[in-house]
Every structure is written in structure tokens, then in C-alpha cells.
């Protein structure tokens, strides 16, 4: 592991929760952005696939 010396600067008990917490925040932000900036994802999540298929077929 070429980044193994980072743990001599940052304790794993501090660094790992910060790393995993930042990844979780980024994931939540990306999912929120997809849900708010698209029209079909919310419909798909609610089970309205027939309307989505019809709108895709008409294009």
C-alpha cells in the first residue's frame, strides 16, 4: 500500500470516520441532485414505469 504512511500523520480512529463520512455525504448529495434535476427518477422510484416507457417510445 503506497499510502500507508498517512496513518503516521492522522490516527485511523479519526481518519477513517472522516473518510467514510465524507463519502456518505457525497453520495447523498449526488442522489439528491439526481432526484431534483430529473423528471423520470422520482416517477420510476414510485413505480410509474409505464408512463416512462410511453414517453420514451414517443420520442
PDB file of N, CA and C in Angstrom:
ATOM      1  N   UNK A   1       0.855  -1.178   0.000  1.00  0.00           N
ATOM      2  CA  UNK A   1       0.000   0.000   0.000  1.00  0.00           C
ATOM      3  C   UNK A   1       0.899   1.239   0.000  1.00  0.00           C
ATOM      4  N   UNK A   2       0.832   2.016  -1.043  1.00  0.00           N
ATOM      5  CA  UNK A   2       1.732   3.156  -1.171  1.00  0.00           C
ATOM      6  C   UNK A   2       1.311   4.352  -0.324  1.00  0.00           C
ATOM      7  N   UNK A   3       0.111   4.358   0.228  1.00  0.00           N
ATOM      8  CA  UNK A   3      -0.348   5.464   1.069  1.00  0.00           C
ATOM      9  C   UNK A   3      -0.370   5.074   2.550  1.00  0.00           C
ATOM     10  N   UNK A   4       0.371   4.052   2.912  1.00  0.00           N
ATOM     11  CA  UNK A   4       0.343   3.532   4.272  1.00  0.00           C
ATOM     12  C   UNK A   4       0.886   4.486   5.320  1.00  0.00           C
ATOM     13  N   UNK A   5       1.759   5.419   4.924  1.00  0.00           N
ATOM     14  CA  UNK A   5       2.355   6.330   5.896  1.00  0.00           C
ATOM     15  C   UNK A   5       1.412   7.446   6.330  1.00  0.00           C
ATOM     16  N   UNK A   6       0.242   7.573   5.685  1.00  0.00           N
ATOM     17  CA  UNK A   6      -0.708   8.618   6.099  1.00  0.00           C
ATOM     18  C   UNK A   6      -1.135   8.406   7.551  1.00  0.00           C
ATOM     19  N   UNK A   7      -1.147   7.150   8.000  1.00  0.00           N
ATOM     20  CA  UNK A   7      -1.610   6.866   9.358  1.00  0.00           C
ATOM     21  C   UNK A   7      -0.582   7.241  10.406  1.00  0.00           C
ATOM     22  N   UNK A   8       0.634   7.648   9.998  1.00  0.00           N
ATOM     23  CA  UNK A   8       1.582   8.201  10.969  1.00  0.00           C
ATOM     24  C   UNK A   8       1.285   9.673  11.229  1.00  0.00           C
ATOM     25  N   UNK A   9       0.511  10.308  10.339  1.00  0.00           N
ATOM     26  CA  UNK A   9       0.134  11.713  10.492  1.00  0.00           C
ATOM     27  C   UNK A   9      -1.261  11.829  11.084  1.00  0.00           C
ATOM     28  N   UNK A  10      -2.178  11.013  10.586  1.00  0.00           N
ATOM     29  CA  UNK A  10      -3.575  11.039  11.025  1.00  0.00           C
ATOM     30  C   UNK A  10      -3.900   9.696  11.654  1.00  0.00           C
ATOM     31  N   UNK A  11      -4.474   9.732  12.850  1.00  0.00           N
ATOM     32  CA  UNK A  11      -4.848   8.480  13.514  1.00  0.00           C
ATOM     33  C   UNK A  11      -5.982   7.803  12.745  1.00  0.00           C
ATOM     34  N   UNK A  12      -5.967   6.479  12.622  1.00  0.00           N
ATOM     35  CA  UNK A  12      -7.057   5.780  11.943  1.00  0.00           C
ATOM     36  C   UNK A  12      -8.416   5.976  12.615  1.00  0.00           C
ATOM     37  N   UNK A  13      -8.413   6.218  13.921  1.00  0.00           N
ATOM     38  CA  UNK A  13      -9.688   6.425  14.616  1.00  0.00           C
ATOM     39  C   UNK A  13     -10.308   7.763  14.257  1.00  0.00           C
ATOM     40  N   UNK A  14      -9.524   8.670  13.698  1.00  0.00           N
ATOM     41  CA  UNK A  14     -10.023   9.963  13.241  1.00  0.00           C
ATOM     42  C   UNK A  14     -10.191   9.959  11.725  1.00  0.00           C
ATOM     43  N   UNK A  15      -9.189   9.433  11.016  1.00  0.00           N
ATOM     44  CA  UNK A  15      -9.166   9.485   9.565  1.00  0.00           C
ATOM     45  C   UNK A  15     -10.218   8.634   8.890  1.00  0.00           C
ATOM     46  N   UNK A  16     -10.424   7.418   9.373  1.00  0.00           N
ATOM     47  CA  UNK A  16     -11.397   6.532   8.730  1.00  0.00           C
ATOM     48  C   UNK A  16     -12.834   7.036   8.859  1.00  0.00           C
ATOM     49  N   UNK A  17     -13.281   7.469  10.042  1.00  0.00           N
ATOM     50  CA  UNK A  17     -14.630   8.027  10.101  1.00  0.00           C
ATOM     51  C   UNK A  17     -14.788   9.286   9.237  1.00  0.00           C
ATOM     52  N   UNK A  18     -13.760  10.125   9.164  1.00  0.00           N
ATOM     53  CA  UNK A  18     -13.832  11.303   8.297  1.00  0.00           C
ATOM     54  C   UNK A  18     -13.926  10.901   6.833  1.00  0.00           C
ATOM     55  N   UNK A  19     -13.147   9.928   6.421  1.00  0.00           N
ATOM     56  CA  UNK A  19     -13.170   9.455   5.046  1.00  0.00           C
ATOM     57  C   UNK A  19     -14.525   8.854   4.704  1.00  0.00           C
ATOM     58  N   UNK A  20     -14.992   7.951   5.532  1.00  0.00           N
ATOM     59  CA  UNK A  20     -16.274   7.294   5.262  1.00  0.00           C
ATOM     60  C   UNK A  20     -17.447   8.283   5.367  1.00  0.00           C
ATOM     61  N   UNK A  21     -17.352   9.209   6.300  1.00  0.00           N
ATOM     62  CA  UNK A  21     -18.402  10.223   6.432  1.00  0.00           C
ATOM     63  C   UNK A  21     -18.454  11.143   5.227  1.00  0.00           C
ATOM     64  N   UNK A  22     -17.288  11.523   4.708  1.00  0.00           N
ATOM     65  CA  UNK A  22     -17.285  12.384   3.526  1.00  0.00           C
ATOM     66  C   UNK A  22     -17.801  11.654   2.305  1.00  0.00           C
ATOM     67  N   UNK A  23     -17.496  10.379   2.176  1.00  0.00           N
ATOM     68  CA  UNK A  23     -18.038   9.590   1.062  1.00  0.00           C
ATOM     69  C   UNK A  23     -19.556   9.500   1.179  1.00  0.00           C
ATOM     70  N   UNK A  24     -20.067   9.279   2.378  1.00  0.00           N
ATOM     71  CA  UNK A  24     -21.516   9.194   2.572  1.00  0.00           C
ATOM     72  C   UNK A  24     -22.194  10.522   2.239  1.00  0.00           C
ATOM     73  N   UNK A  25     -21.592  11.630   2.619  1.00  0.00           N
ATOM     74  CA  UNK A  25     -22.171  12.947   2.306  1.00  0.00           C
ATOM     75  C   UNK A  25     -22.193  13.177   0.800  1.00  0.00           C
ATOM     76  N   UNK A  26     -21.123  12.819   0.109  1.00  0.00           N
ATOM     77  CA  UNK A  26     -21.074  12.982  -1.341  1.00  0.00           C
ATOM     78  C   UNK A  26     -22.133  12.124  -2.019  1.00  0.00           C
ATOM     79  N   UNK A  27     -22.303  10.902  -1.559  1.00  0.00           N
ATOM     80  CA  UNK A  27     -23.316  10.009  -2.133  1.00  0.00           C
ATOM     81  C   UNK A  27     -24.710  10.588  -1.948  1.00  0.00           C
ATOM     82  N   UNK A  28     -24.996  11.097  -0.770  1.00  0.00           N
ATOM     83  CA  UNK A  28     -26.318  11.687  -0.505  1.00  0.00           C
ATOM     84  C   UNK A  28     -26.535  12.919  -1.385  1.00  0.00           C
ATOM     85  N   UNK A  29     -25.521  13.754  -1.541  1.00  0.00           N
ATOM     86  CA  UNK A  29     -25.649  14.942  -2.388  1.00  0.00           C
ATOM     87  C   UNK A  29     -25.874  14.578  -3.851  1.00  0.00           C
ATOM     88  N   UNK A  30     -25.188  13.570  -4.337  1.00  0.00           N
ATOM     89  CA  UNK A  30     -25.376  13.143  -5.729  1.00  0.00           C
ATOM     90  C   UNK A  30     -26.778  12.596  -5.933  1.00  0.00           C
ATOM     91  N   UNK A  31     -27.250  11.765  -5.011  1.00  0.00           N
ATOM     92  CA  UNK A  31     -28.600  11.227  -5.139  1.00  0.00           C
ATOM     93  C   UNK A  31     -29.649  12.337  -5.066  1.00  0.00           C
ATOM     94  N   UNK A  32     -29.454  13.288  -4.188  1.00  0.00           N
ATOM     95  CA  UNK A  32     -30.397  14.401  -4.089  1.00  0.00           C
ATOM     96  C   UNK A  32     -30.410  15.216  -5.381  1.00  0.00           C
ATOM     97  N   UNK A  33     -29.235  15.445  -5.959  1.00  0.00           N
ATOM     98  CA  UNK A  33     -29.158  16.202  -7.211  1.00  0.00           C
ATOM     99  C   UNK A  33     -29.857  15.457  -8.343  1.00  0.00           C
ATOM    100  N   UNK A  34     -29.684  14.153  -8.414  1.00  0.00           N
ATOM    101  CA  UNK A  34     -30.347  13.375  -9.467  1.00  0.00           C
ATOM    102  C   UNK A  34     -31.857  13.418  -9.278  1.00  0.00           C
ATOM    103  N   UNK A  35     -32.321  13.294  -8.051  1.00  0.00           N
ATOM    104  CA  UNK A  35     -33.765  13.305  -7.801  1.00  0.00           C
ATOM    105  C   UNK A  35     -34.395  14.660  -8.096  1.00  0.00           C
ATOM    106  N   UNK A  36     -33.674  15.738  -7.849  1.00  0.00           N
ATOM    107  CA  UNK A  36     -34.264  17.060  -8.031  1.00  0.00           C
ATOM    108  C   UNK A  36     -34.079  17.622  -9.432  1.00  0.00           C
ATOM    109  N   UNK A  37     -33.132  17.101 -10.200  1.00  0.00           N
ATOM    110  CA  UNK A  37     -32.856  17.659 -11.524  1.00  0.00           C
ATOM    111  C   UNK A  37     -33.322  16.780 -12.677  1.00  0.00           C
ATOM    112  N   UNK A  38     -33.994  15.686 -12.386  1.00  0.00           N
ATOM    113  CA  UNK A  38     -34.561  14.850 -13.440  1.00  0.00           C
ATOM    114  C   UNK A  38     -36.051  14.695 -13.188  1.00  0.00           C
ATOM    115  N   UNK A  39     -36.769  14.374 -14.244  1.00  0.00           N
ATOM    116  CA  UNK A  39     -38.215  14.197 -14.086  1.00  0.00           C
ATOM    117  C   UNK A  39     -38.605  12.731 -13.978  1.00  0.00           C
ATOM    118  N   UNK A  40     -37.767  11.843 -14.459  1.00  0.00           N
ATOM    119  CA  UNK A  40     -38.168  10.449 -14.529  1.00  0.00           C
ATOM    120  C   UNK A  40     -37.747   9.622 -13.323  1.00  0.00           C
ATOM    121  N   UNK A  41     -36.737  10.028 -12.554  1.00  0.00           N
ATOM    122  CA  UNK A  41     -36.242   9.202 -11.457  1.00  0.00           C
ATOM    123  C   UNK A  41     -37.286   9.074 -10.349  1.00  0.00           C
ATOM    124  N   UNK A  42     -37.907  10.168  -9.968  1.00  0.00           N
ATOM    125  CA  UNK A  42     -38.914  10.111  -8.904  1.00  0.00           C
ATOM    126  C   UNK A  42     -40.105   9.252  -9.335  1.00  0.00           C
ATOM    127  N   UNK A  43     -40.506   9.376 -10.597  1.00  0.00           N
ATOM    128  CA  UNK A  43     -41.600   8.545 -11.092  1.00  0.00           C
ATOM    129  C   UNK A  43     -41.203   7.074 -11.088  1.00  0.00           C
ATOM    130  N   UNK A  44     -39.985   6.788 -11.494  1.00  0.00           N
ATOM    131  CA  UNK A  44     -39.504   5.407 -11.506  1.00  0.00           C
ATOM    132  C   UNK A  44     -39.463   4.835 -10.098  1.00  0.00           C
ATOM    133  N   UNK A  45     -39.010   5.622  -9.137  1.00  0.00           N
ATOM    134  CA  UNK A  45     -38.943   5.143  -7.759  1.00  0.00           C
ATOM    135  C   UNK A  45     -40.328   4.884  -7.175  1.00  0.00           C
ATOM    136  N   UNK A  46     -41.338   5.570  -7.685  1.00  0.00           N
ATOM    137  CA  UNK A  46     -42.703   5.357  -7.218  1.00  0.00           C
ATOM    138  C   UNK A  46     -43.431   4.275  -8.011  1.00  0.00           C
ATOM    139  N   UNK A  47     -42.765   3.626  -8.954  1.00  0.00           N
ATOM    140  CA  UNK A  47     -43.350   2.510  -9.678  1.00  0.00           C
ATOM    141  C   UNK A  47     -44.141   2.900 -10.904  1.00  0.00           C
ATOM    142  N   UNK A  48     -43.917   4.064 -11.424  1.00  0.00           N
ATOM    143  CA  UNK A  48     -44.668   4.506 -12.596  1.00  0.00           C
ATOM    144  C   UNK A  48     -43.834   4.296 -13.862  1.00  0.00           C
ATOM    145  N   UNK A  49     -43.510   3.035 -14.160  1.00  0.00           N
ATOM    146  CA  UNK A  49     -42.652   2.750 -15.307  1.00  0.00           C
ATOM    147  C   UNK A  49     -43.421   2.788 -16.618  1.00  0.00           C
ATOM    148  N   UNK A  50     -44.718   2.537 -16.599  1.00  0.00           N
ATOM    149  CA  UNK A  50     -45.490   2.526 -17.838  1.00  0.00           C
ATOM    150  C   UNK A  50     -45.491   3.911 -18.478  1.00  0.00           C
ATOM    151  N   UNK A  51     -45.610   4.952 -17.678  1.00  0.00           N
ATOM    152  CA  UNK A  51     -45.601   6.306 -18.212  1.00  0.00           C
ATOM    153  C   UNK A  51     -44.219   6.644 -18.769  1.00  0.00           C
ATOM    154  N   UNK A  52     -43.183   6.147 -18.135  1.00  0.00           N
ATOM    155  CA  UNK A  52     -41.828   6.411 -18.607  1.00  0.00           C
ATOM    156  C   UNK A  52     -41.596   5.723 -19.941  1.00  0.00           C
ATOM    157  N   UNK A  53     -42.023   4.453 -20.054  1.00  0.00           N
ATOM    158  CA  UNK A  53     -41.849   3.721 -21.302  1.00  0.00           C
ATOM    159  C   UNK A  53     -42.625   4.388 -22.431  1.00  0.00           C
ATOM    160  N   UNK A  54     -43.803   4.896 -22.144  1.00  0.00           N
ATOM    161  CA  UNK A  54     -44.607   5.565 -23.176  1.00  0.00           C
ATOM    162  C   UNK A  54     -43.947   6.850 -23.627  1.00  0.00           C
ATOM    163  N   UNK A  55     -43.375   7.598 -22.676  1.00  0.00           N
ATOM    164  CA  UNK A  55     -42.743   8.860 -23.049  1.00  0.00           C
ATOM    165  C   UNK A  55     -41.444   8.611 -23.824  1.00  0.00           C
ATOM    166  N   UNK A  56     -40.740   7.542 -23.519  1.00  0.00           N
ATOM    167  CA  UNK A  56     -39.517   7.228 -24.251  1.00  0.00           C
ATOM    168  C   UNK A  56     -39.863   6.739 -25.659  1.00  0.00           C
ATOM    169  N   UNK A  57     -40.926   5.957 -25.781  1.00  0.00           N
ATOM    170  CA  UNK A  57     -41.331   5.432 -27.083  1.00  0.00           C
ATOM    171  C   UNK A  57     -41.813   6.534 -28.006  1.00  0.00           C
ATOM    172  N   UNK A  58     -42.398   7.576 -27.463  1.00  0.00           N
ATOM    173  CA  UNK A  58     -42.930   8.650 -28.303  1.00  0.00           C
ATOM    174  C   UNK A  58     -41.828   9.581 -28.811  1.00  0.00           C
ATOM    175  N   UNK A  59     -40.643   9.501 -28.236  1.00  0.00           N
ATOM    176  CA  UNK A  59     -39.544  10.373 -28.672  1.00  0.00           C
ATOM    177  C   UNK A  59     -38.880   9.783 -29.823  1.00  0.00           C
TER     178      UNK A  59
END
